[in-house]
Amino acid sequence: MASGILEVTLVEAEELNEKNLWCCFCCFKPCVNHTTPYVELEYGGQKHRSCLAQEENKKQVWDEKFKFKVDYEGEEDNTNTKLILRIMDKNRISSDKLIGETTIYVKDILLCGMDEENVKGIVDVETQKHRVVRRDKSYSGEISVALTFTKVGSFSSTAPFAFNLTIRFAIIFLSNHLHSLSRL
């Protein structure tokens, strides 16, 4: 089993809308109202909640980071491969309402981070847009998210070699430095 940290950066959302139960009196269709969104993040039984988004240029902006502990068994482990983002609308009068959700499958990111050839054990996935859908699977906007996975708690097979080189370099540097000081 390998361990790591999955860092999720909520960047922004566009076109988020929640159908209101109220309707227009002129057309009797559900109205789309202004939302005050926040995000509930869930991974492997761990949960986080974002702050309320700030509106900038018709986008909802968070620029907020969250960290999840990852214990991953390898390619056969399918239990901890989903990151679920539930976008909620903060309602001051009644209970908060689900705008929609998106699921990000992180299995490939974890596999790349755990790969022995990945000496640093870090995988960065730049900001990508993900569709937000309602319970009825209809479109409800997009959310932009960046991911970083960092492997922790184990060294690669080249780590002892790199450590030995660092020690050797330090010894050579100190001996040369001490030798030059002895000349003074």
Protein backbone atom coordinates (compact mmCIF):
# COMPACT_ATOMS: atom_id res chain seq x y z
CA MET A 1 0.00 0.00 0.00
CA ALA A 2 1.20 3.50 -0.79
CA SER A 3 0.18 6.77 0.78
CA GLY A 4 -0.01 10.31 -0.42
CA ILE A 5 -1.81 13.62 -0.37
CA LEU A 6 -4.38 14.66 -2.97
CA GLU A 7 -4.58 18.44 -3.11
CA VAL A 8 -7.69 19.85 -4.78
CA THR A 9 -7.78 23.48 -5.88
CA LEU A 10 -11.25 24.88 -6.51
CA VAL A 11 -10.69 27.65 -9.02
CA GLU A 12 -14.02 28.92 -10.34
CA ALA A 13 -17.40 28.00 -11.78
CA GLU A 14 -19.39 29.28 -14.75
CA GLU A 15 -23.04 29.18 -15.70
CA LEU A 16 -24.11 27.73 -12.37
CA ASN A 17 -27.83 27.96 -12.10
CA GLU A 18 -30.40 26.43 -9.88
CA LYS A 19 -34.01 26.19 -10.94
CA ASN A 20 -36.18 28.00 -8.49
CA LEU A 21 -39.56 26.63 -7.51
CA TRP A 22 -41.08 30.03 -8.14
CA CYS A 23 -42.23 30.82 -11.64
CA CYS A 24 -42.64 33.89 -13.79
CA PHE A 25 -46.21 35.08 -13.84
CA CYS A 26 -45.90 36.05 -17.49
CA CYS A 27 -44.74 32.68 -18.86
CA PHE A 28 -45.29 30.22 -15.98
CA LYS A 29 -41.83 28.68 -16.44
CA PRO A 30 -39.34 28.08 -13.62
CA CYS A 31 -37.10 31.08 -13.10
CA VAL A 32 -33.33 30.92 -12.82
CA ASN A 33 -32.19 32.90 -9.82
CA HIS A 34 -28.91 34.23 -8.48
CA THR A 35 -26.90 31.61 -6.58
CA THR A 36 -24.59 31.84 -3.59
CA PRO A 37 -22.63 28.63 -4.14
CA TYR A 38 -20.27 26.64 -1.98
CA VAL A 39 -18.81 23.20 -2.63
CA GLU A 40 -18.88 20.02 -0.56
CA LEU A 41 -15.87 17.86 -1.47
CA GLU A 42 -15.73 14.14 -0.68
CA TYR A 43 -12.94 11.62 -1.20
CA GLY A 44 -12.50 8.24 0.48
CA GLY A 45 -14.85 9.06 3.36
CA GLN A 46 -13.17 12.42 4.03
CA LYS A 47 -15.20 15.58 3.60
CA HIS A 48 -14.44 19.28 3.25
CA ARG A 49 -16.58 22.33 2.62
CA SER A 50 -15.52 25.47 0.77
CA CYS A 51 -16.33 29.04 1.65
CA LEU A 52 -19.00 30.90 -0.33
CA ALA A 53 -17.84 31.85 -3.81
CA GLN A 54 -17.13 35.45 -4.75
CA GLU A 55 -18.68 36.70 -7.96
CA GLU A 56 -16.24 38.13 -10.52
CA ASN A 57 -17.19 38.81 -14.16
CA LYS A 58 -20.22 36.49 -14.08
CA LYS A 59 -18.09 33.68 -12.61
CA GLN A 60 -18.12 32.28 -9.10
CA VAL A 61 -14.54 32.25 -7.78
CA TRP A 62 -13.09 30.28 -4.86
CA ASP A 63 -9.33 29.86 -5.39
CA GLU A 64 -9.33 27.57 -2.36
CA LYS A 65 -7.23 24.44 -1.63
CA PHE A 66 -8.16 21.24 0.17
CA LYS A 67 -6.04 18.21 1.09
CA PHE A 68 -7.13 14.60 1.32
CA LYS A 69 -5.09 11.72 2.73
CA VAL A 70 -4.74 8.90 0.21
CA ASP A 71 -4.12 5.24 1.05
CA TYR A 72 -4.02 3.42 -2.26
CA GLU A 73 -3.64 -0.32 -2.77
CA GLY A 74 -2.75 -0.13 -6.45
CA GLU A 75 -4.42 -0.81 -9.76
CA GLU A 76 -6.92 -3.27 -8.28
CA ASP A 77 -8.15 -0.74 -5.67
CA ASN A 78 -11.35 0.84 -6.98
CA THR A 79 -12.68 2.10 -3.65
CA ASN A 80 -10.73 5.36 -3.43
CA THR A 81 -10.78 6.53 -7.02
CA LYS A 82 -13.58 9.12 -7.02
CA LEU A 83 -13.54 12.74 -5.94
CA ILE A 84 -17.10 14.02 -5.66
CA LEU A 85 -17.88 17.74 -5.76
CA ARG A 86 -21.40 18.79 -4.75
CA ILE A 87 -22.17 22.40 -5.60
CA MET A 88 -24.70 23.78 -3.16
CA ASP A 89 -26.69 27.02 -3.10
CA LYS A 90 -26.64 28.73 0.29
CA ASN A 91 -30.19 29.64 1.23
CA ARG A 92 -30.84 31.92 4.19
CA ILE A 93 -34.54 31.17 4.46
CA SER A 94 -34.76 27.41 3.87
CA SER A 95 -32.30 24.54 3.64
CA ASP A 96 -29.43 24.74 1.15
CA LYS A 97 -30.18 23.30 -2.28
CA LEU A 98 -28.10 21.11 -4.55
CA ILE A 99 -27.19 22.96 -7.76
CA GLY A 100 -25.47 19.89 -9.12
CA GLU A 101 -22.46 17.66 -8.77
CA THR A 102 -19.50 16.32 -10.66
CA THR A 103 -17.36 13.24 -10.16
CA ILE A 104 -13.65 13.32 -10.96
CA TYR A 105 -12.00 9.92 -11.35
CA VAL A 106 -8.48 10.13 -9.91
CA LYS A 107 -7.28 6.53 -10.42
CA ASP A 108 -4.88 7.42 -13.26
CA ILE A 109 -3.43 10.31 -11.24
CA LEU A 110 -2.80 8.02 -8.27
CA LEU A 111 -1.22 5.33 -10.47
CA CYS A 112 1.14 7.88 -12.05
CA GLY A 113 2.08 9.22 -8.63
CA MET A 114 2.76 5.73 -7.26
CA ASP A 115 4.79 4.64 -10.31
CA GLU A 116 8.39 3.68 -9.43
CA GLU A 117 9.66 5.65 -12.43
CA ASN A 118 8.16 8.84 -11.01
CA VAL A 119 11.14 9.67 -8.79
CA LYS A 120 9.58 12.81 -7.31
CA GLY A 121 6.25 11.10 -6.65
CA ILE A 122 4.32 14.20 -7.74
CA VAL A 123 1.62 14.49 -10.38
CA ASP A 124 0.18 17.91 -11.30
CA VAL A 125 -3.02 18.18 -13.30
CA GLU A 126 -3.55 21.73 -14.46
CA THR A 127 -6.93 23.42 -14.16
CA GLN A 128 -9.64 21.59 -16.07
CA LYS A 129 -13.36 22.25 -16.46
CA HIS A 130 -15.84 19.61 -15.32
CA ARG A 131 -19.55 19.51 -16.12
CA VAL A 132 -21.92 20.02 -13.22
CA VAL A 133 -25.16 18.04 -13.54
CA ARG A 134 -28.38 17.96 -11.54
CA ARG A 135 -29.93 14.81 -10.15
CA ASP A 136 -31.90 14.41 -13.38
CA LYS A 137 -28.55 14.56 -15.28
CA SER A 138 -29.37 17.91 -16.90
CA TYR A 139 -26.59 20.47 -17.36
CA SER A 140 -26.11 22.96 -14.55
CA GLY A 141 -22.79 24.68 -15.37
CA GLU A 142 -19.06 23.98 -15.17
CA ILE A 143 -16.52 24.00 -12.36
CA SER A 144 -12.76 24.42 -12.84
CA VAL A 145 -10.50 22.30 -10.65
CA ALA A 146 -6.75 21.64 -10.45
CA LEU A 147 -5.31 18.51 -8.80
CA THR A 148 -1.92 17.62 -7.34
CA PHE A 149 -1.00 14.21 -5.96
CA THR A 150 2.12 13.84 -3.82
CA LYS A 151 3.36 10.43 -2.75
CA VAL A 152 4.59 10.31 0.86
CA GLY A 153 6.07 7.79 3.22
CA SER A 154 8.25 5.82 0.83
CA PHE A 155 11.43 6.31 -1.13
CA SER A 156 12.08 5.23 -4.68
CA SER A 157 14.86 2.78 -5.45
CA THR A 158 17.11 5.69 -6.50
CA ALA A 159 16.69 7.54 -3.19
CA PRO A 160 19.59 5.78 -1.37
CA PHE A 161 21.84 6.47 -4.36
CA ALA A 162 20.89 10.16 -4.37
CA PHE A 163 21.37 10.32 -0.60
CA ASN A 164 24.85 8.76 -0.89
CA LEU A 165 25.80 11.27 -3.58
CA THR A 166 24.64 14.12 -1.36
CA ILE A 167 26.72 12.82 1.57
CA ARG A 168 29.77 12.32 -0.66
CA PHE A 169 29.41 15.84 -2.07
CA ALA A 170 29.13 17.28 1.45
CA ILE A 171 32.24 15.41 2.61
CA ILE A 172 34.26 16.55 -0.42
CA PHE A 173 33.04 20.13 -0.02
CA LEU A 174 33.88 20.21 3.69
CA SER A 175 37.29 18.60 3.24
CA ASN A 176 38.19 21.10 0.50
CA HIS A 177 36.88 23.97 2.58
CA LEU A 178 38.77 22.82 5.68
CA HIS A 179 41.92 22.30 3.60
CA SER A 180 41.72 25.88 2.28
CA LEU A 181 41.18 27.19 5.83
CA SER A 182 44.25 25.34 7.09
CA ARG A 183 46.39 27.26 4.59
CA LEU A 184 45.47 30.55 6.26
